[in-house]
Amino acid sequence: MTAIEIEYCVPCGLLDRAIATQTRLLDEFGQKLDSVSLVPSHGGVFIVTVDGETIWDKSVHGAEMDMNLIVNAIDDRISVDA
């Protein structure tokens, strides 16, 4: 199964974005996931990792999050593991 972590900057106010991402992933993949964890951080970070592999990093991909890219990357990972 698959574990997802969403690391987000608390002082930047990214909690709402992290919760929205978590909700979307749980809606999309449900019981195919072991967990979708929120990890409070600082320094402007917003990073989504799947089983330790970074699939979205705000510092690399920019401030506008591409939820389709994230969903597709997770879907590819789940399909390979199945």
N, C-alpha and C. Protein backbone atom coordinates (compact mmCIF):
# COMPACT_ATOMS: atom_id res chain seq x y z
N MET A 1 0.84 -1.19 0.00
CA MET A 1 0.00 0.00 0.00
C MET A 1 0.88 1.25 0.00
N THR A 2 0.26 2.40 -0.02
CA THR A 2 0.96 3.64 -0.26
C THR A 2 0.76 4.63 0.89
N ALA A 3 1.84 5.27 1.31
CA ALA A 3 1.80 6.30 2.35
C ALA A 3 2.16 7.65 1.73
N ILE A 4 1.33 8.64 1.99
CA ILE A 4 1.54 9.98 1.45
C ILE A 4 1.76 10.95 2.61
N GLU A 5 2.74 11.86 2.44
CA GLU A 5 2.96 12.94 3.40
C GLU A 5 2.81 14.27 2.69
N ILE A 6 2.13 15.17 3.34
CA ILE A 6 1.99 16.54 2.85
C ILE A 6 2.63 17.45 3.89
N GLU A 7 3.81 17.96 3.57
CA GLU A 7 4.52 18.88 4.46
C GLU A 7 4.17 20.30 4.05
N TYR A 8 3.73 21.10 5.03
CA TYR A 8 3.23 22.44 4.70
C TYR A 8 3.75 23.46 5.70
N CYS A 9 3.88 24.69 5.25
CA CYS A 9 4.37 25.79 6.09
C CYS A 9 3.21 26.35 6.91
N VAL A 10 3.34 26.23 8.23
CA VAL A 10 2.32 26.75 9.14
C VAL A 10 2.28 28.28 9.11
N PRO A 11 3.43 28.98 9.29
CA PRO A 11 3.38 30.45 9.30
C PRO A 11 2.87 31.06 7.98
N CYS A 12 3.01 30.34 6.89
CA CYS A 12 2.56 30.84 5.58
C CYS A 12 1.06 30.68 5.39
N GLY A 13 0.40 29.96 6.28
CA GLY A 13 -1.03 29.75 6.16
C GLY A 13 -1.40 28.68 5.15
N LEU A 14 -0.55 27.68 4.98
CA LEU A 14 -0.81 26.64 3.97
C LEU A 14 -1.59 25.44 4.51
N LEU A 15 -2.10 25.54 5.74
CA LEU A 15 -2.88 24.45 6.31
C LEU A 15 -4.12 24.15 5.47
N ASP A 16 -4.84 25.18 5.04
CA ASP A 16 -6.04 24.95 4.23
C ASP A 16 -5.72 24.22 2.94
N ARG A 17 -4.63 24.59 2.30
CA ARG A 17 -4.21 23.91 1.07
C ARG A 17 -3.84 22.46 1.35
N ALA A 18 -3.17 22.23 2.47
CA ALA A 18 -2.78 20.87 2.85
C ALA A 18 -4.02 20.01 3.12
N ILE A 19 -4.99 20.56 3.82
CA ILE A 19 -6.22 19.82 4.10
C ILE A 19 -6.99 19.55 2.82
N ALA A 20 -7.06 20.52 1.92
CA ALA A 20 -7.75 20.32 0.64
C ALA A 20 -7.06 19.24 -0.18
N THR A 21 -5.74 19.21 -0.17
CA THR A 21 -4.99 18.18 -0.88
C THR A 21 -5.25 16.82 -0.26
N GLN A 22 -5.19 16.75 1.05
CA GLN A 22 -5.44 15.50 1.76
C GLN A 22 -6.85 14.98 1.44
N THR A 23 -7.83 15.84 1.49
CA THR A 23 -9.22 15.45 1.20
C THR A 23 -9.36 14.94 -0.22
N ARG A 24 -8.77 15.64 -1.18
CA ARG A 24 -8.85 15.21 -2.58
C ARG A 24 -8.23 13.83 -2.77
N LEU A 25 -7.08 13.60 -2.16
CA LEU A 25 -6.41 12.32 -2.31
C LEU A 25 -7.19 11.19 -1.65
N LEU A 26 -7.78 11.46 -0.49
CA LEU A 26 -8.60 10.44 0.16
C LEU A 26 -9.87 10.16 -0.65
N ASP A 27 -10.47 11.20 -1.22
CA ASP A 27 -11.65 11.02 -2.08
C ASP A 27 -11.29 10.21 -3.32
N GLU A 28 -10.13 10.51 -3.89
CA GLU A 28 -9.70 9.88 -5.14
C GLU A 28 -9.28 8.42 -4.95
N PHE A 29 -8.52 8.14 -3.89
CA PHE A 29 -7.90 6.82 -3.75
C PHE A 29 -8.41 6.00 -2.57
N GLY A 30 -9.06 6.64 -1.61
CA GLY A 30 -9.68 5.95 -0.49
C GLY A 30 -8.85 4.85 0.13
N GLN A 31 -9.37 3.63 0.13
CA GLN A 31 -8.75 2.53 0.83
C GLN A 31 -7.50 1.97 0.16
N LYS A 32 -7.11 2.52 -0.97
CA LYS A 32 -5.88 2.09 -1.63
C LYS A 32 -4.65 2.67 -0.93
N LEU A 33 -4.87 3.59 0.01
CA LEU A 33 -3.78 4.27 0.70
C LEU A 33 -3.66 3.76 2.13
N ASP A 34 -2.41 3.68 2.61
CA ASP A 34 -2.18 3.39 4.03
C ASP A 34 -2.46 4.63 4.86
N SER A 35 -1.98 5.77 4.36
CA SER A 35 -2.15 7.01 5.11
C SER A 35 -1.94 8.22 4.21
N VAL A 36 -2.52 9.34 4.65
CA VAL A 36 -2.24 10.65 4.08
C VAL A 36 -2.00 11.56 5.28
N SER A 37 -0.72 11.81 5.57
CA SER A 37 -0.33 12.53 6.78
C SER A 37 -0.02 13.99 6.48
N LEU A 38 -0.42 14.86 7.41
CA LEU A 38 -0.06 16.27 7.35
C LEU A 38 1.13 16.49 8.28
N VAL A 39 2.16 17.16 7.76
CA VAL A 39 3.39 17.39 8.52
C VAL A 39 3.62 18.90 8.61
N PRO A 40 3.35 19.50 9.77
CA PRO A 40 3.58 20.94 9.93
C PRO A 40 5.06 21.27 9.81
N SER A 41 5.35 22.40 9.14
CA SER A 41 6.74 22.81 8.94
C SER A 41 6.80 24.33 8.87
N HIS A 42 7.86 24.86 8.30
CA HIS A 42 8.06 26.30 8.15
C HIS A 42 8.93 26.53 6.92
N GLY A 43 9.26 27.77 6.65
CA GLY A 43 10.17 28.09 5.56
C GLY A 43 9.52 28.10 4.18
N GLY A 44 8.20 28.22 4.15
CA GLY A 44 7.51 28.32 2.86
C GLY A 44 7.30 27.01 2.14
N VAL A 45 7.53 25.89 2.81
CA VAL A 45 7.45 24.60 2.13
C VAL A 45 6.02 24.14 1.88
N PHE A 46 5.86 23.44 0.79
CA PHE A 46 4.67 22.63 0.51
C PHE A 46 5.16 21.49 -0.36
N ILE A 47 5.31 20.32 0.27
CA ILE A 47 5.91 19.18 -0.41
C ILE A 47 5.00 17.97 -0.23
N VAL A 48 4.73 17.28 -1.34
CA VAL A 48 3.95 16.05 -1.29
C VAL A 48 4.88 14.90 -1.65
N THR A 49 4.98 13.92 -0.74
CA THR A 49 5.81 12.74 -1.00
C THR A 49 4.94 11.49 -0.96
N VAL A 50 5.33 10.53 -1.79
CA VAL A 50 4.66 9.22 -1.84
C VAL A 50 5.72 8.17 -1.55
N ASP A 51 5.53 7.46 -0.46
CA ASP A 51 6.50 6.45 -0.03
C ASP A 51 7.92 7.01 -0.04
N GLY A 52 8.08 8.24 0.44
CA GLY A 52 9.39 8.88 0.54
C GLY A 52 9.89 9.57 -0.70
N GLU A 53 9.19 9.44 -1.82
CA GLU A 53 9.60 10.08 -3.08
C GLU A 53 8.80 11.37 -3.29
N THR A 54 9.51 12.48 -3.49
CA THR A 54 8.85 13.76 -3.70
C THR A 54 8.19 13.79 -5.08
N ILE A 55 6.89 14.10 -5.07
CA ILE A 55 6.18 14.23 -6.35
C ILE A 55 5.72 15.66 -6.59
N TRP A 56 5.71 16.49 -5.54
CA TRP A 56 5.38 17.90 -5.70
C TRP A 56 6.15 18.69 -4.66
N ASP A 57 6.84 19.73 -5.12
CA ASP A 57 7.59 20.62 -4.23
C ASP A 57 7.37 22.04 -4.73
N LYS A 58 6.77 22.86 -3.88
CA LYS A 58 6.46 24.24 -4.26
C LYS A 58 7.70 24.99 -4.73
N SER A 59 8.85 24.71 -4.13
CA SER A 59 10.08 25.42 -4.51
C SER A 59 10.57 25.02 -5.90
N VAL A 60 10.15 23.86 -6.39
CA VAL A 60 10.53 23.38 -7.72
C VAL A 60 9.44 23.67 -8.75
N HIS A 61 8.20 23.36 -8.39
CA HIS A 61 7.09 23.42 -9.33
C HIS A 61 6.36 24.76 -9.34
N GLY A 62 6.61 25.62 -8.36
CA GLY A 62 5.96 26.92 -8.29
C GLY A 62 4.79 26.91 -7.32
N ALA A 63 4.27 28.10 -7.04
CA ALA A 63 3.22 28.26 -6.03
C ALA A 63 1.88 27.69 -6.46
N GLU A 64 1.61 27.70 -7.76
CA GLU A 64 0.33 27.18 -8.25
C GLU A 64 0.41 25.66 -8.32
N MET A 65 -0.32 25.01 -7.44
CA MET A 65 -0.28 23.55 -7.35
C MET A 65 -1.09 22.93 -8.49
N ASP A 66 -0.50 21.92 -9.13
CA ASP A 66 -1.17 21.17 -10.19
C ASP A 66 -1.68 19.86 -9.60
N MET A 67 -2.93 19.88 -9.13
CA MET A 67 -3.49 18.71 -8.47
C MET A 67 -3.55 17.52 -9.42
N ASN A 68 -3.76 17.74 -10.70
CA ASN A 68 -3.80 16.64 -11.66
C ASN A 68 -2.45 15.93 -11.74
N LEU A 69 -1.36 16.69 -11.70
CA LEU A 69 -0.02 16.08 -11.69
C LEU A 69 0.16 15.21 -10.46
N ILE A 70 -0.28 15.70 -9.32
CA ILE A 70 -0.15 14.95 -8.08
C ILE A 70 -0.99 13.68 -8.14
N VAL A 71 -2.24 13.80 -8.56
CA VAL A 71 -3.14 12.64 -8.64
C VAL A 71 -2.58 11.61 -9.62
N ASN A 72 -2.12 12.05 -10.78
CA ASN A 72 -1.58 11.12 -11.78
C ASN A 72 -0.33 10.41 -11.27
N ALA A 73 0.55 11.13 -10.57
CA ALA A 73 1.76 10.51 -10.03
C ALA A 73 1.41 9.44 -9.00
N ILE A 74 0.42 9.73 -8.17
CA ILE A 74 0.00 8.75 -7.16
C ILE A 74 -0.69 7.56 -7.84
N ASP A 75 -1.51 7.84 -8.81
CA ASP A 75 -2.20 6.78 -9.54
C ASP A 75 -1.19 5.85 -10.22
N ASP A 76 -0.15 6.43 -10.82
CA ASP A 76 0.90 5.63 -11.45
C ASP A 76 1.59 4.75 -10.41
N ARG A 77 1.86 5.31 -9.24
CA ARG A 77 2.54 4.57 -8.18
C ARG A 77 1.65 3.41 -7.69
N ILE A 78 0.37 3.69 -7.50
CA ILE A 78 -0.55 2.65 -7.02
C ILE A 78 -0.70 1.55 -8.07
N SER A 79 -0.76 1.93 -9.33
CA SER A 79 -0.90 0.94 -10.41
C SER A 79 0.30 0.02 -10.48
N VAL A 80 1.49 0.55 -10.26
CA VAL A 80 2.73 -0.25 -10.30
C VAL A 80 2.76 -1.21 -9.10
N ASP A 81 2.30 -0.74 -7.95
CA ASP A 81 2.31 -1.55 -6.73
C ASP A 81 1.25 -2.64 -6.75
N ALA A 82 0.20 -2.47 -7.55
CA ALA A 82 -0.93 -3.41 -7.54
C ALA A 82 -0.58 -4.75 -8.14
